[in-house]
Amino acid sequence: MQLSLPHILVPFLVAAALQTVQGSRVATMLIAPSFLMPLFP
């Protein structure tokens, strides 16, 4: 899948979406990296 976004924005957008849904910054800080770790070598 090709994204037209710069690669640095993908984790930021995932964390922002999770923050919006979840509401807790501590939970976002713990959950977002677990979603994103499989994407990076």
Protein backbone atom coordinates (compact mmCIF):
# COMPACT_ATOMS: atom_id res chain seq x y z
CA MET A 1 0.00 0.00 0.00
CA GLN A 2 1.46 3.35 -1.02
CA LEU A 3 0.73 6.40 1.08
CA SER A 4 1.23 9.91 -0.18
CA LEU A 5 1.95 11.08 3.40
CA PRO A 6 5.48 11.52 4.70
CA HIS A 7 6.40 8.55 6.84
CA ILE A 8 6.86 10.70 9.94
CA LEU A 9 3.17 11.69 9.90
CA VAL A 10 1.77 8.14 10.06
CA PRO A 11 2.53 7.53 13.77
CA PHE A 12 1.33 11.04 14.61
CA LEU A 13 -1.99 10.53 12.83
CA VAL A 14 -2.53 7.12 14.44
CA ALA A 15 -1.84 8.56 17.88
CA ALA A 16 -4.09 11.56 17.21
CA ALA A 17 -6.96 9.34 16.11
CA LEU A 18 -6.48 7.09 19.12
CA GLN A 19 -6.35 10.12 21.44
CA THR A 20 -9.62 11.40 19.97
CA VAL A 21 -11.40 8.09 20.47
CA GLN A 22 -9.83 7.08 23.78
CA GLY A 23 -9.50 10.44 25.53
CA SER A 24 -6.63 9.33 27.75
CA ARG A 25 -3.13 10.49 26.89
CA VAL A 26 -1.47 7.84 29.06
CA ALA A 27 -3.39 5.06 27.34
CA THR A 28 -2.57 6.58 23.94
CA MET A 29 1.12 6.70 24.86
CA LEU A 30 1.01 2.98 25.71
CA ILE A 31 -1.29 1.68 22.96
CA ALA A 32 -0.12 3.62 19.88
CA PRO A 33 3.42 2.16 19.82
CA SER A 34 2.03 -1.37 20.07
CA PHE A 35 -0.05 -0.71 16.94
CA LEU A 36 2.87 0.79 15.05
CA MET A 37 5.79 -1.52 15.99
CA PRO A 38 4.92 -4.21 13.39
CA LEU A 39 5.14 -1.60 10.61
CA PHE A 40 8.80 -0.75 11.21
CA PRO A 41 11.77 -3.05 10.61
